N, C-alpha and C. Protein backbone atom coordinates (compact mmCIF):
# COMPACT_ATOMS: atom_id res chain seq x y z
N MET A 1 -22.90 15.69 3.95
CA MET A 1 -22.26 15.75 2.71
C MET A 1 -21.77 14.43 2.40
N CYS A 2 -22.09 13.88 1.23
CA CYS A 2 -21.74 12.60 0.70
C CYS A 2 -20.71 12.71 -0.42
N GLN A 3 -19.66 11.97 -0.18
CA GLN A 3 -18.73 12.08 -1.27
C GLN A 3 -18.66 10.75 -2.11
N ALA A 4 -18.19 10.85 -3.34
CA ALA A 4 -18.03 9.66 -4.22
C ALA A 4 -17.18 8.67 -3.57
N PRO A 5 -17.40 7.34 -3.86
CA PRO A 5 -16.47 6.32 -3.11
C PRO A 5 -15.18 6.47 -3.72
N LEU A 6 -14.21 6.10 -3.06
CA LEU A 6 -12.72 6.16 -3.48
C LEU A 6 -12.57 4.93 -4.44
N THR A 7 -12.04 5.20 -5.59
CA THR A 7 -11.94 4.25 -6.59
C THR A 7 -10.48 3.89 -7.06
N SER A 8 -9.59 4.88 -6.78
CA SER A 8 -8.20 4.77 -7.39
C SER A 8 -7.30 5.35 -6.35
N VAL A 9 -6.31 4.55 -5.93
CA VAL A 9 -5.21 4.92 -4.98
C VAL A 9 -3.94 4.47 -5.50
N ARG A 10 -2.99 5.52 -5.66
CA ARG A 10 -1.64 5.23 -5.87
C ARG A 10 -0.90 4.94 -4.75
N ASN A 11 0.22 4.17 -4.94
CA ASN A 11 0.99 3.85 -3.65
C ASN A 11 2.52 3.76 -3.99
N ASP A 12 3.26 3.94 -2.98
CA ASP A 12 4.67 4.07 -3.01
C ASP A 12 5.31 2.84 -2.30
N VAL A 13 4.62 1.74 -2.21
CA VAL A 13 5.07 0.48 -1.53
C VAL A 13 6.36 0.00 -2.30
N ARG A 14 6.36 -0.15 -3.51
CA ARG A 14 7.44 -0.60 -4.29
C ARG A 14 8.68 0.13 -3.89
N HIS A 15 8.57 1.42 -3.96
CA HIS A 15 9.68 2.46 -3.63
C HIS A 15 10.20 2.08 -2.29
N HIS A 16 9.35 2.13 -1.33
CA HIS A 16 9.85 1.79 0.09
C HIS A 16 10.43 0.49 0.21
N ARG A 17 9.91 -0.51 -0.33
CA ARG A 17 10.36 -1.95 -0.26
C ARG A 17 11.79 -1.96 -0.97
N SER A 18 12.00 -1.36 -2.18
CA SER A 18 13.22 -1.49 -2.70
C SER A 18 14.33 -0.71 -1.89
N THR A 19 13.93 0.47 -1.46
CA THR A 19 14.91 1.28 -0.58
C THR A 19 15.28 0.50 0.56
N ALA A 20 14.45 -0.24 1.17
CA ALA A 20 14.73 -1.04 2.33
C ALA A 20 15.50 -2.38 1.99
N GLY A 21 15.75 -2.58 0.61
CA GLY A 21 16.42 -3.73 0.09
C GLY A 21 15.65 -5.11 0.43
N LEU A 22 14.41 -4.98 0.41
CA LEU A 22 13.52 -6.18 0.60
C LEU A 22 13.04 -6.70 -0.71
N SER A 23 12.93 -8.03 -0.83
CA SER A 23 12.18 -8.65 -2.00
C SER A 23 10.76 -8.69 -1.69
N GLN A 24 10.01 -8.94 -2.69
CA GLN A 24 8.52 -8.98 -2.50
C GLN A 24 8.21 -10.10 -1.55
N ALA A 25 8.94 -11.22 -1.68
CA ALA A 25 8.71 -12.45 -0.84
C ALA A 25 9.17 -12.03 0.63
N GLY A 26 10.15 -11.22 0.85
CA GLY A 26 10.57 -10.97 2.14
C GLY A 26 9.55 -9.98 2.84
N LEU A 27 9.04 -9.06 2.07
CA LEU A 27 8.02 -8.15 2.61
C LEU A 27 6.72 -8.99 2.96
N ALA A 28 6.32 -9.88 2.07
CA ALA A 28 5.14 -10.65 2.33
C ALA A 28 5.32 -11.46 3.59
N LYS A 29 6.45 -12.09 3.74
CA LYS A 29 6.77 -12.97 5.02
C LYS A 29 6.61 -12.01 6.27
N ALA A 30 7.25 -10.87 6.14
CA ALA A 30 7.22 -9.91 7.26
C ALA A 30 5.86 -9.56 7.80
N LEU A 31 4.91 -9.39 6.70
CA LEU A 31 3.60 -8.94 6.95
C LEU A 31 2.55 -10.11 7.08
N GLY A 32 2.98 -11.37 6.77
CA GLY A 32 2.10 -12.51 7.04
C GLY A 32 1.11 -12.55 5.76
N VAL A 33 1.52 -12.21 4.54
CA VAL A 33 0.65 -12.35 3.39
C VAL A 33 1.40 -12.90 2.35
N SER A 34 0.72 -13.24 1.33
CA SER A 34 1.38 -13.96 0.12
C SER A 34 2.22 -12.95 -0.67
N ARG A 35 3.13 -13.42 -1.38
CA ARG A 35 3.84 -12.63 -2.34
C ARG A 35 2.99 -12.04 -3.39
N GLN A 36 1.99 -12.81 -3.80
CA GLN A 36 1.01 -12.29 -4.79
C GLN A 36 0.25 -11.17 -4.33
N THR A 37 -0.06 -11.04 -2.99
CA THR A 37 -0.70 -9.87 -2.42
C THR A 37 0.17 -8.68 -2.48
N VAL A 38 1.50 -8.78 -2.24
CA VAL A 38 2.41 -7.75 -2.19
C VAL A 38 2.50 -7.19 -3.71
N ILE A 39 2.56 -8.07 -4.65
CA ILE A 39 2.68 -7.80 -6.07
C ILE A 39 1.30 -7.03 -6.57
N ALA A 40 0.19 -7.51 -6.17
CA ALA A 40 -0.99 -6.87 -6.48
C ALA A 40 -1.15 -5.39 -5.75
N ILE A 41 -0.66 -5.28 -4.65
CA ILE A 41 -0.74 -3.88 -4.03
C ILE A 41 0.18 -2.99 -4.80
N GLU A 42 1.47 -3.51 -5.06
CA GLU A 42 2.44 -2.56 -5.72
C GLU A 42 1.83 -2.15 -7.15
N GLN A 43 1.22 -3.19 -7.87
CA GLN A 43 0.62 -2.76 -9.12
C GLN A 43 -0.63 -2.04 -9.03
N GLY A 44 -1.06 -1.75 -7.83
CA GLY A 44 -2.38 -1.04 -7.86
C GLY A 44 -3.68 -1.81 -8.20
N ARG A 45 -3.51 -3.17 -8.13
CA ARG A 45 -4.57 -4.06 -8.47
C ARG A 45 -5.40 -4.42 -7.19
N TYR A 46 -4.91 -4.09 -6.16
CA TYR A 46 -5.56 -4.55 -4.91
C TYR A 46 -5.37 -3.50 -3.80
N LEU A 47 -6.48 -2.99 -3.26
CA LEU A 47 -6.31 -1.98 -2.20
C LEU A 47 -6.28 -2.94 -0.90
N PRO A 48 -5.32 -2.72 0.00
CA PRO A 48 -5.20 -3.45 1.12
C PRO A 48 -6.13 -3.05 2.24
N SER A 49 -6.45 -4.05 3.07
CA SER A 49 -7.42 -3.76 4.19
C SER A 49 -6.73 -2.56 5.03
N LEU A 50 -7.50 -1.99 5.85
CA LEU A 50 -6.87 -0.98 6.67
C LEU A 50 -5.93 -1.49 7.63
N PRO A 51 -6.09 -2.65 8.36
CA PRO A 51 -5.06 -3.20 9.14
C PRO A 51 -3.72 -3.46 8.33
N LEU A 52 -3.97 -3.96 7.19
CA LEU A 52 -2.58 -4.20 6.27
C LEU A 52 -2.11 -3.01 5.91
N ALA A 53 -2.70 -2.01 5.57
CA ALA A 53 -2.14 -0.58 5.24
C ALA A 53 -1.35 -0.17 6.39
N PHE A 54 -1.95 -0.20 7.58
CA PHE A 54 -1.16 0.27 8.75
C PHE A 54 0.00 -0.56 9.05
N ALA A 55 -0.11 -1.85 8.85
CA ALA A 55 1.02 -2.84 9.04
C ALA A 55 2.25 -2.45 8.09
N LEU A 56 1.89 -2.13 6.87
CA LEU A 56 2.90 -1.69 5.89
C LEU A 56 3.55 -0.39 6.29
N ALA A 57 2.72 0.55 6.74
CA ALA A 57 3.32 1.89 7.21
C ALA A 57 4.13 1.67 8.39
N ARG A 58 3.74 0.90 9.36
CA ARG A 58 4.59 0.56 10.50
C ARG A 58 5.80 -0.17 10.14
N HIS A 59 5.76 -1.08 9.18
CA HIS A 59 6.99 -1.73 8.86
C HIS A 59 7.95 -0.85 8.23
N PHE A 60 7.55 0.11 7.39
CA PHE A 60 8.48 1.01 6.84
C PHE A 60 8.82 2.39 7.71
N ASP A 61 8.05 2.35 8.86
CA ASP A 61 8.26 3.47 9.84
C ASP A 61 7.93 4.81 9.07
N VAL A 62 6.81 4.84 8.47
CA VAL A 62 6.36 6.00 7.80
C VAL A 62 4.78 6.11 8.12
N ARG A 63 4.27 7.23 7.91
CA ARG A 63 2.80 7.58 8.05
C ARG A 63 2.08 6.84 6.86
N ILE A 64 0.95 6.44 7.05
CA ILE A 64 0.21 5.88 6.01
C ILE A 64 -0.01 6.66 4.81
N GLU A 65 0.05 7.97 4.97
CA GLU A 65 -0.09 8.86 3.94
C GLU A 65 1.18 8.88 3.02
N ALA A 66 2.30 8.45 3.57
CA ALA A 66 3.57 8.34 2.75
C ALA A 66 3.46 7.11 1.86
N LEU A 67 2.57 6.22 2.06
CA LEU A 67 2.45 5.05 1.16
C LEU A 67 1.35 5.13 0.25
N PHE A 68 0.22 5.72 0.63
CA PHE A 68 -0.94 5.68 -0.34
C PHE A 68 -1.45 7.12 -0.45
N HIS A 69 -1.87 7.27 -1.78
CA HIS A 69 -2.21 8.65 -2.30
C HIS A 69 -3.46 8.51 -3.14
N PRO A 70 -4.63 8.98 -2.59
CA PRO A 70 -5.90 8.88 -3.34
C PRO A 70 -5.79 9.83 -4.58
N ASP A 71 -6.10 9.46 -5.70
CA ASP A 71 -6.26 10.36 -6.87
C ASP A 71 -7.13 11.50 -6.57
N GLN A 72 -6.64 12.78 -6.96
CA GLN A 72 -7.31 13.95 -6.59
C GLN A 72 -8.79 13.96 -7.14
N GLU A 73 -9.02 13.43 -8.32
CA GLU A 73 -10.35 13.50 -9.05
C GLU A 73 -11.34 12.64 -8.07
N ASP A 74 -10.83 11.69 -7.31
CA ASP A 74 -11.80 10.90 -6.44
C ASP A 74 -12.20 11.69 -5.27
N LEU A 75 -11.58 12.76 -5.01
CA LEU A 75 -11.93 13.55 -3.75
C LEU A 75 -12.83 14.64 -3.91
N THR A 76 -13.36 14.84 -5.24
CA THR A 76 -14.29 15.88 -5.50
C THR A 76 -15.76 15.50 -5.27
């Protein structure tokens, strides 16, 4: 069975970052990426690589599913 490619993913990175009291620059430094990368992820303009998505989840001590949510219409 072939599914349509995933095109839209919502995320809660900004919420988790804010709750942790981190700036975008602080999170970027902790992950070894640019601040622009963090901004783009939070705004949904950039889907992180799988290793970066796992690094984000590990940093916030949550499951990856707690950060990234595929739009339901993309799963049909």
